[in-house]
Amino acid sequence: MIWMIIGIILLLAFLTLMLLKRSKVMTKNKTEKDLSSFNTYAFLPSSAIDLSENSKNELTDVSERVIAEVNQNMQLAGYVLDRNRPELLVMLQANKVVPPPIYATYPYATTLPVSPFYAPYSYASYAHYTKINNHKNGGTNFLTGSLSVLVIERRSKNILWEGTASESIFNINSDNEIIEYIQLIFEAYPTIKNKNNAK
């Protein structure tokens, strides 16, 4: 009897922990299209993520880690990088960027260089890409310091999927915590979710 009670307590603790982890992110599928029918992706470059209370080096580190982790998750989702004619475009947005932007950021009104962290993954014709449909600073009302990942169909310019951290990523003190947020966002991405459910 005592083991059953201990088992129930442990199960409830585990379920509570899982619910708390899931509440860190919000995701929204904005299409009926099968996201596994797409094959290629590239990034729409953006400026560095604003981390105003921290040093410039820490700002650079956060930007680099987030971009690298999102890129890895797009590959895990089954997509291949194609900078010339991608079917999907990935846009990262925080509630604000470093003013004034020193790197290209959407909407692309002026010709600024691409951040070195985006350069290997950026859509080659990003500067001519305008008017994303239903785009409202990432489509979500951001909390200060929150991060949003948008997946956009290049041809239609429609946002197909969105994942947002529900709290500031700038209070994070380790690489592992940043990676956990991105992984939690992408756990709900349809092609990754389907792979996980098939296991």
Protein backbone atom coordinates (compact mmCIF):
# COMPACT_ATOMS: atom_id res chain seq x y z
CA MET A 1 0.00 0.00 0.00
CA ILE A 2 2.79 2.44 0.92
CA TRP A 3 4.52 1.76 -2.43
CA MET A 4 1.31 2.55 -4.29
CA ILE A 5 1.01 5.91 -2.49
CA ILE A 6 4.67 6.70 -3.21
CA GLY A 7 4.14 5.73 -6.86
CA ILE A 8 1.10 7.99 -7.16
CA ILE A 9 2.96 10.91 -5.55
CA LEU A 10 5.91 10.44 -7.93
CA LEU A 11 3.58 10.22 -10.93
CA LEU A 12 1.78 13.42 -9.91
CA ALA A 13 5.11 15.20 -9.37
CA PHE A 14 6.30 14.07 -12.82
CA LEU A 15 3.06 15.22 -14.51
CA THR A 16 3.24 18.59 -12.73
CA LEU A 17 6.84 19.04 -13.88
CA MET A 18 5.91 18.20 -17.48
CA LEU A 19 3.01 20.69 -17.42
CA LEU A 20 5.27 23.42 -16.05
CA LYS A 21 7.83 22.74 -18.79
CA ARG A 22 5.17 22.85 -21.51
CA SER A 23 3.79 26.15 -20.19
CA LYS A 24 7.13 27.80 -21.02
CA VAL A 25 6.19 27.87 -24.71
CA MET A 26 3.15 28.57 -26.85
CA THR A 27 2.81 27.19 -30.37
CA LYS A 28 0.27 27.80 -33.08
CA ASN A 29 -0.27 25.85 -36.31
CA LYS A 30 -1.68 28.45 -38.72
CA THR A 31 -2.36 26.24 -41.74
CA GLU A 32 -4.10 23.09 -42.88
CA LYS A 33 -1.12 22.33 -45.12
CA ASP A 34 0.97 19.26 -44.30
CA LEU A 35 4.30 20.69 -43.15
CA SER A 36 6.01 17.40 -44.05
CA SER A 37 5.25 18.13 -47.73
CA PHE A 38 7.92 20.84 -47.71
CA ASN A 39 11.57 19.92 -48.22
CA THR A 40 13.76 23.01 -47.97
CA TYR A 41 14.25 26.06 -45.75
CA ALA A 42 16.42 29.11 -45.21
CA PHE A 43 16.40 31.94 -42.68
CA LEU A 44 15.14 35.48 -43.10
CA PRO A 45 17.96 37.38 -41.39
CA SER A 46 17.29 39.60 -38.44
CA SER A 47 19.31 41.85 -36.23
CA ALA A 48 20.85 40.68 -32.97
CA ILE A 49 18.54 39.85 -30.09
CA ASP A 50 18.37 42.73 -27.62
CA LEU A 51 19.91 41.91 -24.29
CA SER A 52 20.26 45.49 -23.10
CA GLU A 53 21.10 44.67 -19.50
CA ASN A 54 24.03 42.47 -20.54
CA SER A 55 27.27 43.12 -22.35
CA LYS A 56 27.71 43.11 -26.12
CA ASN A 57 29.65 39.82 -25.95
CA GLU A 58 26.78 38.13 -24.10
CA LEU A 59 24.34 39.52 -26.69
CA THR A 60 26.41 37.99 -29.47
CA ASP A 61 26.58 34.66 -27.64
CA VAL A 62 22.78 34.49 -27.18
CA SER A 63 22.12 35.33 -30.83
CA GLU A 64 24.59 32.72 -32.05
CA ARG A 65 23.22 29.96 -29.79
CA VAL A 66 19.59 30.61 -30.70
CA ILE A 67 20.24 30.65 -34.47
CA ALA A 68 22.36 27.49 -34.34
CA GLU A 69 19.77 25.61 -32.27
CA VAL A 70 16.84 26.62 -34.50
CA ASN A 71 18.85 25.60 -37.56
CA GLN A 72 19.54 22.18 -36.04
CA ASN A 73 15.86 21.71 -35.19
CA MET A 74 14.79 22.57 -38.74
CA GLN A 75 17.07 19.79 -39.93
CA LEU A 76 15.63 17.42 -37.32
CA ALA A 77 12.19 18.35 -38.67
CA GLY A 78 13.29 16.83 -41.98
CA TYR A 79 14.23 19.92 -43.99
CA VAL A 80 17.34 20.66 -46.05
CA LEU A 81 18.96 24.09 -46.21
CA ASP A 82 18.52 25.75 -49.62
CA ARG A 83 19.54 29.41 -49.67
CA ASN A 84 18.45 30.01 -53.29
CA ARG A 85 14.92 28.61 -53.60
CA PRO A 86 13.72 27.52 -50.16
CA GLU A 87 10.11 26.43 -49.77
CA LEU A 88 10.03 27.62 -46.14
CA LEU A 89 11.54 30.67 -44.48
CA VAL A 90 12.39 30.81 -40.79
CA MET A 91 12.24 34.12 -38.94
CA LEU A 92 13.37 34.67 -35.35
CA GLN A 93 12.00 37.63 -33.49
CA ALA A 94 12.33 39.01 -30.01
CA ASN A 95 10.23 41.88 -28.73
CA LYS A 96 12.88 44.34 -29.89
CA VAL A 97 16.28 44.49 -31.52
CA VAL A 98 19.35 46.55 -30.82
CA PRO A 99 18.67 50.14 -31.99
CA PRO A 100 19.67 51.18 -34.53
CA PRO A 101 19.96 47.85 -36.35
CA ILE A 102 23.46 47.23 -37.65
CA TYR A 103 22.41 44.12 -39.55
CA ALA A 104 19.60 43.38 -41.97
CA THR A 105 16.27 42.94 -40.20
CA TYR A 106 12.67 42.61 -41.42
CA PRO A 107 11.17 44.67 -42.98
CA TYR A 108 14.17 45.14 -45.26
CA ALA A 109 14.00 48.86 -46.03
CA THR A 110 17.71 49.53 -46.33
CA THR A 111 20.68 47.52 -47.45
CA LEU A 112 22.50 46.41 -44.34
CA PRO A 113 24.87 43.46 -44.08
CA VAL A 114 23.59 40.13 -42.81
CA SER A 115 24.65 39.17 -39.29
CA PRO A 116 27.56 36.71 -39.46
CA PHE A 117 25.46 34.23 -37.48
CA TYR A 118 22.70 34.25 -40.12
CA ALA A 119 24.98 34.44 -43.16
CA PRO A 120 25.44 30.67 -43.68
CA TYR A 121 21.67 30.05 -43.49
CA SER A 122 20.06 33.17 -45.03
CA TYR A 123 17.75 33.24 -48.03
CA ALA A 124 19.84 34.78 -50.82
CA SER A 125 17.02 37.10 -51.99
CA TYR A 126 15.92 38.20 -48.51
CA ALA A 127 16.28 41.92 -49.34
CA HIS A 128 13.43 41.66 -51.88
CA TYR A 129 11.14 39.74 -49.53
CA THR A 130 8.39 42.05 -48.29
CA LYS A 131 4.88 42.01 -46.87
CA ILE A 132 4.58 38.79 -44.90
CA ASN A 133 0.84 38.16 -44.54
CA ASN A 134 -0.63 38.67 -41.05
CA HIS A 135 2.76 39.67 -39.68
CA LYS A 136 2.47 41.68 -36.47
CA ASN A 137 5.95 41.81 -34.96
CA GLY A 138 6.04 38.03 -34.91
CA GLY A 139 2.29 37.55 -34.77
CA THR A 140 2.20 37.34 -30.98
CA ASN A 141 2.02 39.82 -28.16
CA PHE A 142 5.48 39.39 -26.71
CA LEU A 143 6.47 39.49 -23.10
CA THR A 144 9.65 41.45 -22.55
CA GLY A 145 12.52 39.31 -23.76
CA SER A 146 10.41 36.52 -25.27
CA LEU A 147 11.49 34.86 -28.49
CA SER A 148 9.30 33.76 -31.39
CA VAL A 149 10.09 31.33 -34.23
CA LEU A 150 8.00 31.85 -37.37
CA VAL A 151 7.88 29.39 -40.26
CA ILE A 152 6.67 31.10 -43.45
CA GLU A 153 5.83 29.66 -46.87
CA ARG A 154 8.10 31.59 -49.25
CA ARG A 155 5.74 31.70 -52.24
CA SER A 156 2.47 32.59 -50.49
CA LYS A 157 4.16 34.69 -47.76
CA ASN A 158 1.81 33.10 -45.22
CA ILE A 159 2.93 32.27 -41.69
CA LEU A 160 2.37 28.52 -41.40
CA TRP A 161 3.54 27.90 -37.83
CA GLU A 162 4.66 29.91 -34.83
CA GLY A 163 6.31 28.99 -31.54
CA THR A 164 6.97 31.50 -28.75
CA ALA A 165 8.78 31.32 -25.44
CA SER A 166 6.31 32.47 -22.79
CA GLU A 167 8.95 34.16 -20.65
CA SER A 168 12.17 36.06 -21.14
CA ILE A 169 15.06 34.06 -22.54
CA PHE A 170 17.43 36.80 -21.39
CA ASN A 171 17.36 35.71 -17.77
CA ILE A 172 18.85 32.39 -18.82
CA ASN A 173 22.27 31.70 -17.40
CA SER A 174 23.38 28.68 -19.42
CA ASP A 175 23.51 27.26 -22.94
CA ASN A 176 21.47 24.29 -21.76
CA GLU A 177 18.53 26.48 -20.73
CA ILE A 178 18.50 28.33 -24.08
CA ILE A 179 18.60 24.99 -25.89
CA GLU A 180 15.76 23.67 -23.71
CA TYR A 181 13.51 26.58 -24.74
CA ILE A 182 14.17 26.02 -28.44
CA GLN A 183 13.68 22.27 -28.06
CA LEU A 184 10.39 22.81 -26.21
CA ILE A 185 9.21 25.11 -29.00
CA PHE A 186 10.12 22.55 -31.65
CA GLU A 187 8.69 19.55 -29.75
CA ALA A 188 5.30 20.84 -30.88
CA TYR A 189 6.38 21.34 -34.50
CA PRO A 190 4.16 18.93 -36.51
CA THR A 191 6.87 16.91 -38.27
CA ILE A 192 8.93 16.49 -35.07
CA LYS A 193 5.83 15.76 -32.99
CA ASN A 194 4.76 13.06 -35.47
CA LYS A 195 8.22 11.44 -35.36
CA ASN A 196 8.17 11.44 -31.54
CA ASN A 197 4.65 9.97 -31.45
CA ALA A 198 5.69 7.21 -33.89
CA LYS A 199 8.45 6.00 -31.52
